[in-house]
Amino acid sequence: MRHASKLALAGILCAGISATIPAHAATEAPFTQAAFDASEQAGKPILVHIEAPWCPTCAKQRPILAALEAEPAYADLIVYKVDFDHQKDVVRAFGAQMQSTLIAFHGKAEEARSTGDTNAASIAALVAKTKG
């Protein structure tokens, strides 16, 4: 294969890969207190998702959240994942009783919270409250 053909093929492959990654996606991160505090101080829209890998409700929430996070309107959203099984101190600090808990913040203000919700419309309404 000639050099120009290899470059063209590489460009096509890269374009295909970048097409599957939204240009304006929210940022997902494991929860750390320092990162959360910095996001609050910056007045960022924040979603805390307390989840567990074995949780069927969490599994139903994940694709709904992924679709919302891919929307350009949520490019500034920070989604902090809290592991229900391994971050019990954080779960308690948020006052959560179980996995599948979603907590929406705009900066330091808690705007909304739900547990066990798998309805796309109500999850979208909760995430919208991160914008203040």
N, C-alpha and C. Protein backbone atom coordinates (compact mmCIF):
# COMPACT_ATOMS: atom_id res chain seq x y z
N MET A 1 0.86 -1.18 0.00
CA MET A 1 0.00 0.00 0.00
C MET A 1 0.90 1.23 0.00
N ARG A 2 0.58 2.18 -0.85
CA ARG A 2 1.38 3.39 -0.94
C ARG A 2 1.16 4.25 0.29
N HIS A 3 2.12 5.12 0.59
CA HIS A 3 2.09 5.98 1.78
C HIS A 3 0.83 6.83 1.83
N ALA A 4 0.45 7.43 0.71
CA ALA A 4 -0.74 8.29 0.67
C ALA A 4 -1.99 7.48 0.98
N SER A 5 -2.05 6.25 0.49
CA SER A 5 -3.21 5.39 0.77
C SER A 5 -3.29 5.02 2.23
N LYS A 6 -2.12 4.77 2.83
CA LYS A 6 -2.09 4.45 4.26
C LYS A 6 -2.58 5.63 5.08
N LEU A 7 -2.16 6.84 4.70
CA LEU A 7 -2.61 8.04 5.42
C LEU A 7 -4.11 8.25 5.26
N ALA A 8 -4.62 8.02 4.08
CA ALA A 8 -6.06 8.17 3.84
C ALA A 8 -6.83 7.16 4.68
N LEU A 9 -6.37 5.91 4.70
CA LEU A 9 -7.02 4.88 5.49
C LEU A 9 -6.97 5.23 6.97
N ALA A 10 -5.84 5.72 7.45
CA ALA A 10 -5.72 6.12 8.86
C ALA A 10 -6.69 7.25 9.17
N GLY A 11 -6.84 8.20 8.24
CA GLY A 11 -7.77 9.30 8.45
C GLY A 11 -9.20 8.82 8.53
N ILE A 12 -9.57 7.88 7.69
CA ILE A 12 -10.93 7.33 7.71
C ILE A 12 -11.18 6.61 9.03
N LEU A 13 -10.22 5.79 9.45
CA LEU A 13 -10.37 5.07 10.71
C LEU A 13 -10.49 6.03 11.89
N CYS A 14 -9.67 7.07 11.92
CA CYS A 14 -9.74 8.05 13.01
C CYS A 14 -11.07 8.79 12.98
N ALA A 15 -11.56 9.12 11.80
CA ALA A 15 -12.85 9.80 11.69
C ALA A 15 -13.96 8.91 12.23
N GLY A 16 -13.88 7.62 11.93
CA GLY A 16 -14.88 6.69 12.44
C GLY A 16 -14.85 6.57 13.94
N ILE A 17 -13.67 6.58 14.51
CA ILE A 17 -13.53 6.50 15.96
C ILE A 17 -14.06 7.77 16.61
N SER A 18 -13.67 8.92 16.07
CA SER A 18 -14.11 10.18 16.68
C SER A 18 -15.61 10.37 16.52
N ALA A 19 -16.21 9.76 15.50
CA ALA A 19 -17.65 9.90 15.31
C ALA A 19 -18.42 9.18 16.42
N THR A 20 -17.80 8.21 17.06
CA THR A 20 -18.50 7.48 18.13
C THR A 20 -18.32 8.15 19.48
N ILE A 21 -17.42 9.11 19.58
CA ILE A 21 -17.19 9.83 20.83
C ILE A 21 -17.78 11.22 20.69
N PRO A 22 -18.80 11.55 21.48
CA PRO A 22 -19.40 12.88 21.35
C PRO A 22 -18.38 13.98 21.61
N ALA A 23 -18.43 15.02 20.79
CA ALA A 23 -17.49 16.12 20.92
C ALA A 23 -17.75 16.92 22.19
N HIS A 24 -18.98 16.93 22.66
CA HIS A 24 -19.36 17.74 23.81
C HIS A 24 -19.97 16.87 24.90
N ALA A 25 -19.26 15.88 25.35
CA ALA A 25 -19.80 14.97 26.35
C ALA A 25 -19.48 15.46 27.76
N ALA A 26 -20.35 15.10 28.67
CA ALA A 26 -20.10 15.37 30.09
C ALA A 26 -18.85 14.61 30.51
N THR A 27 -18.32 14.98 31.66
CA THR A 27 -17.15 14.30 32.20
C THR A 27 -17.58 13.36 33.31
N GLU A 28 -17.22 12.09 33.20
CA GLU A 28 -17.47 11.12 34.27
C GLU A 28 -16.16 10.89 35.01
N ALA A 29 -16.26 10.80 36.34
CA ALA A 29 -15.06 10.57 37.15
C ALA A 29 -15.44 9.81 38.41
N PRO A 30 -14.53 9.00 38.92
CA PRO A 30 -14.77 8.39 40.22
C PRO A 30 -14.81 9.51 41.27
N PHE A 31 -15.63 9.34 42.28
CA PHE A 31 -15.76 10.36 43.31
C PHE A 31 -14.51 10.44 44.16
N THR A 32 -14.00 11.66 44.31
CA THR A 32 -13.02 11.98 45.35
C THR A 32 -13.52 13.28 45.98
N GLN A 33 -13.31 13.42 47.26
CA GLN A 33 -13.80 14.62 47.95
C GLN A 33 -13.14 15.88 47.39
N ALA A 34 -11.85 15.79 47.08
CA ALA A 34 -11.13 16.96 46.56
C ALA A 34 -11.70 17.41 45.22
N ALA A 35 -11.95 16.47 44.32
CA ALA A 35 -12.50 16.82 43.00
C ALA A 35 -13.91 17.38 43.14
N PHE A 36 -14.72 16.76 44.00
CA PHE A 36 -16.09 17.23 44.21
C PHE A 36 -16.07 18.65 44.78
N ASP A 37 -15.23 18.88 45.78
CA ASP A 37 -15.13 20.22 46.38
C ASP A 37 -14.71 21.27 45.34
N ALA A 38 -13.76 20.92 44.47
CA ALA A 38 -13.31 21.85 43.44
C ALA A 38 -14.44 22.16 42.46
N SER A 39 -15.22 21.15 42.11
CA SER A 39 -16.36 21.37 41.21
C SER A 39 -17.41 22.25 41.85
N GLU A 40 -17.66 22.03 43.14
CA GLU A 40 -18.62 22.88 43.86
C GLU A 40 -18.13 24.32 43.89
N GLN A 41 -16.86 24.52 44.23
CA GLN A 41 -16.29 25.87 44.30
C GLN A 41 -16.38 26.59 42.96
N ALA A 42 -16.22 25.84 41.87
CA ALA A 42 -16.27 26.42 40.54
C ALA A 42 -17.69 26.66 40.05
N GLY A 43 -18.68 26.23 40.84
CA GLY A 43 -20.07 26.43 40.45
C GLY A 43 -20.51 25.53 39.31
N LYS A 44 -19.87 24.39 39.15
CA LYS A 44 -20.16 23.47 38.06
C LYS A 44 -21.49 22.75 38.26
N PRO A 45 -22.12 22.33 37.17
CA PRO A 45 -23.24 21.41 37.28
C PRO A 45 -22.68 20.03 37.62
N ILE A 46 -23.22 19.40 38.65
CA ILE A 46 -22.67 18.13 39.17
C ILE A 46 -23.80 17.13 39.33
N LEU A 47 -23.53 15.88 38.92
CA LEU A 47 -24.43 14.77 39.20
C LEU A 47 -23.63 13.71 39.95
N VAL A 48 -24.13 13.31 41.10
CA VAL A 48 -23.52 12.22 41.85
C VAL A 48 -24.38 10.99 41.60
N HIS A 49 -23.74 9.92 41.15
CA HIS A 49 -24.45 8.65 40.91
C HIS A 49 -23.88 7.61 41.85
N ILE A 50 -24.67 7.24 42.84
CA ILE A 50 -24.27 6.19 43.79
C ILE A 50 -24.77 4.88 43.20
N GLU A 51 -23.82 4.03 42.83
CA GLU A 51 -24.17 2.83 42.08
C GLU A 51 -23.38 1.62 42.55
N ALA A 52 -23.81 0.45 42.08
CA ALA A 52 -23.11 -0.80 42.35
C ALA A 52 -23.13 -1.62 41.07
N PRO A 53 -22.05 -2.33 40.78
CA PRO A 53 -22.00 -3.11 39.53
C PRO A 53 -23.04 -4.22 39.46
N TRP A 54 -23.50 -4.71 40.59
CA TRP A 54 -24.47 -5.81 40.63
C TRP A 54 -25.92 -5.32 40.62
N CYS A 55 -26.13 -4.03 40.67
CA CYS A 55 -27.46 -3.44 40.82
C CYS A 55 -28.22 -3.39 39.49
N PRO A 56 -29.36 -4.10 39.37
CA PRO A 56 -30.12 -4.07 38.12
C PRO A 56 -30.74 -2.70 37.82
N THR A 57 -31.10 -1.96 38.86
CA THR A 57 -31.66 -0.62 38.66
C THR A 57 -30.58 0.31 38.12
N CYS A 58 -29.38 0.22 38.68
CA CYS A 58 -28.25 1.02 38.19
C CYS A 58 -27.97 0.70 36.72
N ALA A 59 -28.07 -0.58 36.36
CA ALA A 59 -27.84 -0.99 34.98
C ALA A 59 -28.85 -0.35 34.04
N LYS A 60 -30.07 -0.16 34.50
CA LYS A 60 -31.10 0.50 33.69
C LYS A 60 -30.85 2.00 33.62
N GLN A 61 -30.27 2.57 34.66
CA GLN A 61 -29.99 4.01 34.67
C GLN A 61 -28.83 4.37 33.75
N ARG A 62 -27.84 3.50 33.64
CA ARG A 62 -26.61 3.83 32.91
C ARG A 62 -26.85 4.28 31.46
N PRO A 63 -27.63 3.56 30.64
CA PRO A 63 -27.80 4.05 29.26
C PRO A 63 -28.59 5.36 29.19
N ILE A 64 -29.50 5.57 30.10
CA ILE A 64 -30.24 6.84 30.15
C ILE A 64 -29.28 7.97 30.44
N LEU A 65 -28.43 7.78 31.46
CA LEU A 65 -27.45 8.80 31.81
C LEU A 65 -26.44 9.01 30.69
N ALA A 66 -26.00 7.94 30.06
CA ALA A 66 -25.03 8.07 28.96
C ALA A 66 -25.61 8.91 27.82
N ALA A 67 -26.87 8.70 27.50
CA ALA A 67 -27.51 9.49 26.43
C ALA A 67 -27.58 10.96 26.83
N LEU A 68 -27.94 11.23 28.07
CA LEU A 68 -28.01 12.62 28.53
C LEU A 68 -26.63 13.26 28.54
N GLU A 69 -25.63 12.53 29.02
CA GLU A 69 -24.27 13.05 29.10
C GLU A 69 -23.70 13.37 27.73
N ALA A 70 -24.19 12.70 26.69
CA ALA A 70 -23.70 12.95 25.32
C ALA A 70 -24.31 14.20 24.70
N GLU A 71 -25.36 14.74 25.31
CA GLU A 71 -26.00 15.93 24.77
C GLU A 71 -25.11 17.17 24.95
N PRO A 72 -25.01 18.00 23.91
CA PRO A 72 -24.18 19.21 24.03
C PRO A 72 -24.59 20.11 25.19
N ALA A 73 -25.84 20.09 25.58
CA ALA A 73 -26.30 20.93 26.70
C ALA A 73 -25.61 20.58 28.01
N TYR A 74 -25.07 19.36 28.09
CA TYR A 74 -24.43 18.91 29.33
C TYR A 74 -22.91 18.78 29.20
N ALA A 75 -22.32 19.53 28.28
CA ALA A 75 -20.87 19.47 28.07
C ALA A 75 -20.10 19.84 29.33
N ASP A 76 -20.67 20.71 30.18
CA ASP A 76 -19.99 21.14 31.41
C ASP A 76 -20.32 20.28 32.62
N LEU A 77 -21.21 19.32 32.46
CA LEU A 77 -21.64 18.47 33.57
C LEU A 77 -20.51 17.55 34.03
N ILE A 78 -20.34 17.47 35.34
CA ILE A 78 -19.40 16.52 35.94
C ILE A 78 -20.23 15.45 36.63
N VAL A 79 -20.00 14.19 36.26
CA VAL A 79 -20.72 13.07 36.87
C VAL A 79 -19.74 12.31 37.74
N TYR A 80 -19.99 12.34 39.04
CA TYR A 80 -19.15 11.61 39.98
C TYR A 80 -19.81 10.28 40.32
N LYS A 81 -19.07 9.20 40.08
CA LYS A 81 -19.55 7.86 40.38
C LYS A 81 -19.08 7.48 41.79
N VAL A 82 -20.02 7.08 42.61
CA VAL A 82 -19.72 6.62 43.97
C VAL A 82 -20.03 5.13 44.02
N ASP A 83 -19.05 4.34 44.43
CA ASP A 83 -19.22 2.89 44.54
C ASP A 83 -19.91 2.57 45.87
N PHE A 84 -21.14 2.13 45.78
CA PHE A 84 -21.95 1.85 46.96
C PHE A 84 -21.28 0.86 47.91
N ASP A 85 -20.61 -0.13 47.37
CA ASP A 85 -20.00 -1.18 48.19
C ASP A 85 -18.67 -0.77 48.82
N HIS A 86 -17.91 0.10 48.14
CA HIS A 86 -16.56 0.40 48.60
C HIS A 86 -16.35 1.82 49.11
N GLN A 87 -17.36 2.67 49.00
CA GLN A 87 -17.23 4.05 49.47
C GLN A 87 -18.37 4.36 50.46
N LYS A 88 -18.50 3.52 51.46
CA LYS A 88 -19.59 3.65 52.43
C LYS A 88 -19.55 5.00 53.16
N ASP A 89 -18.35 5.52 53.43
CA ASP A 89 -18.25 6.81 54.10
C ASP A 89 -18.86 7.92 53.24
N VAL A 90 -18.65 7.86 51.94
CA VAL A 90 -19.20 8.85 51.02
C VAL A 90 -20.71 8.68 50.91
N VAL A 91 -21.16 7.43 50.82
CA VAL A 91 -22.60 7.15 50.77
C VAL A 91 -23.28 7.75 51.99
N ARG A 92 -22.71 7.53 53.16
CA ARG A 92 -23.27 8.09 54.41
C ARG A 92 -23.23 9.62 54.40
N ALA A 93 -22.13 10.19 53.91
CA ALA A 93 -21.99 11.65 53.89
C ALA A 93 -23.07 12.29 53.02
N PHE A 94 -23.47 11.61 51.96
CA PHE A 94 -24.55 12.13 51.11
C PHE A 94 -25.93 11.78 51.65
N GLY A 95 -25.99 11.00 52.74
CA GLY A 95 -27.27 10.64 53.31
C GLY A 95 -28.06 9.66 52.46
N ALA A 96 -27.35 8.89 51.64
CA ALA A 96 -28.01 7.91 50.77
C ALA A 96 -28.21 6.61 51.52
N GLN A 97 -29.32 5.96 51.26
CA GLN A 97 -29.62 4.70 51.91
C GLN A 97 -29.35 3.50 51.02
N MET A 98 -29.31 3.73 49.71
CA MET A 98 -29.11 2.61 48.79
C MET A 98 -28.48 3.06 47.48
N GLN A 99 -28.04 2.06 46.72
CA GLN A 99 -27.50 2.32 45.39
C GLN A 99 -28.63 2.81 44.49
N SER A 100 -28.29 3.21 43.30
CA SER A 100 -29.21 3.79 42.31
C SER A 100 -29.72 5.16 42.74
N THR A 101 -28.92 5.84 43.56
CA THR A 101 -29.27 7.19 44.00
C THR A 101 -28.58 8.21 43.09
N LEU A 102 -29.36 9.16 42.62
CA LEU A 102 -28.86 10.26 41.79
C LEU A 102 -29.07 11.55 42.56
N ILE A 103 -28.02 12.37 42.64
CA ILE A 103 -28.11 13.65 43.35
C ILE A 103 -27.59 14.74 42.42
N ALA A 104 -28.44 15.72 42.14
CA ALA A 104 -28.10 16.83 41.26
C ALA A 104 -27.69 18.04 42.08
N PHE A 105 -26.55 18.62 41.72
CA PHE A 105 -26.05 19.83 42.36
C PHE A 105 -25.81 20.88 41.29
N HIS A 106 -26.01 22.12 41.66
CA HIS A 106 -25.50 23.24 40.87
C HIS A 106 -24.58 23.99 41.82
N GLY A 107 -23.27 23.83 41.61
CA GLY A 107 -22.32 24.36 42.58
C GLY A 107 -22.53 23.66 43.90
N LYS A 108 -22.67 24.43 44.98
CA LYS A 108 -22.81 23.86 46.32
C LYS A 108 -24.25 23.49 46.67
N ALA A 109 -25.20 23.90 45.84
CA ALA A 109 -26.61 23.68 46.17
C ALA A 109 -27.12 22.36 45.62
N GLU A 110 -27.65 21.51 46.52
CA GLU A 110 -28.32 20.31 46.06
C GLU A 110 -29.66 20.74 45.48
N GLU A 111 -29.91 20.36 44.24
CA GLU A 111 -31.11 20.78 43.53
C GLU A 111 -32.19 19.70 43.48
N ALA A 112 -31.77 18.41 43.45
CA ALA A 112 -32.74 17.32 43.34
C ALA A 112 -32.05 16.01 43.69
N ARG A 113 -32.89 15.01 44.01
CA ARG A 113 -32.38 13.69 44.36
C ARG A 113 -33.45 12.65 44.05
N SER A 114 -33.00 11.47 43.64
CA SER A 114 -33.93 10.36 43.43
C SER A 114 -33.21 9.04 43.73
N THR A 115 -33.99 8.03 44.04
CA THR A 115 -33.44 6.69 44.27
C THR A 115 -34.32 5.69 43.55
N GLY A 116 -33.69 4.81 42.80
CA GLY A 116 -34.42 3.74 42.13
C GLY A 116 -35.18 4.16 40.89
N ASP A 117 -34.96 5.34 40.39
CA ASP A 117 -35.70 5.84 39.24
C ASP A 117 -35.08 5.31 37.95
N THR A 118 -35.90 4.74 37.08
CA THR A 118 -35.44 4.27 35.77
C THR A 118 -36.27 4.89 34.64
N ASN A 119 -37.03 5.91 34.95
CA ASN A 119 -37.83 6.61 33.95
C ASN A 119 -36.97 7.67 33.28
N ALA A 120 -36.80 7.55 31.97
CA ALA A 120 -35.92 8.47 31.25
C ALA A 120 -36.33 9.93 31.40
N ALA A 121 -37.62 10.20 31.37
CA ALA A 121 -38.09 11.59 31.46
C ALA A 121 -37.81 12.19 32.83
N SER A 122 -38.03 11.44 33.89
CA SER A 122 -37.79 12.01 35.22
C SER A 122 -36.30 12.11 35.52
N ILE A 123 -35.50 11.19 34.99
CA ILE A 123 -34.04 11.31 35.15
C ILE A 123 -33.55 12.54 34.37
N ALA A 124 -34.07 12.76 33.18
CA ALA A 124 -33.70 13.95 32.40
C ALA A 124 -34.08 15.22 33.14
N ALA A 125 -35.24 15.23 33.79
CA ALA A 125 -35.67 16.41 34.55
C ALA A 125 -34.72 16.64 35.74
N LEU A 126 -34.31 15.56 36.39
CA LEU A 126 -33.37 15.69 37.51
C LEU A 126 -32.03 16.24 37.03
N VAL A 127 -31.50 15.69 35.95
CA VAL A 127 -30.21 16.15 35.43
C VAL A 127 -30.30 17.61 34.98
N ALA A 128 -31.43 18.01 34.44
CA ALA A 128 -31.61 19.41 34.02
C ALA A 128 -31.47 20.38 35.20
N LYS A 129 -31.77 19.92 36.38
CA LYS A 129 -31.67 20.78 37.56
C LYS A 129 -30.22 21.08 37.95
N THR A 130 -29.25 20.36 37.35
CA THR A 130 -27.84 20.67 37.62
C THR A 130 -27.46 22.02 37.03
N LYS A 131 -28.27 22.52 36.13
CA LYS A 131 -27.98 23.81 35.49
C LYS A 131 -28.46 24.98 36.34
N GLY A 132 -29.08 24.67 37.46
CA GLY A 132 -29.51 25.72 38.39
C GLY A 132 -30.86 26.28 38.15
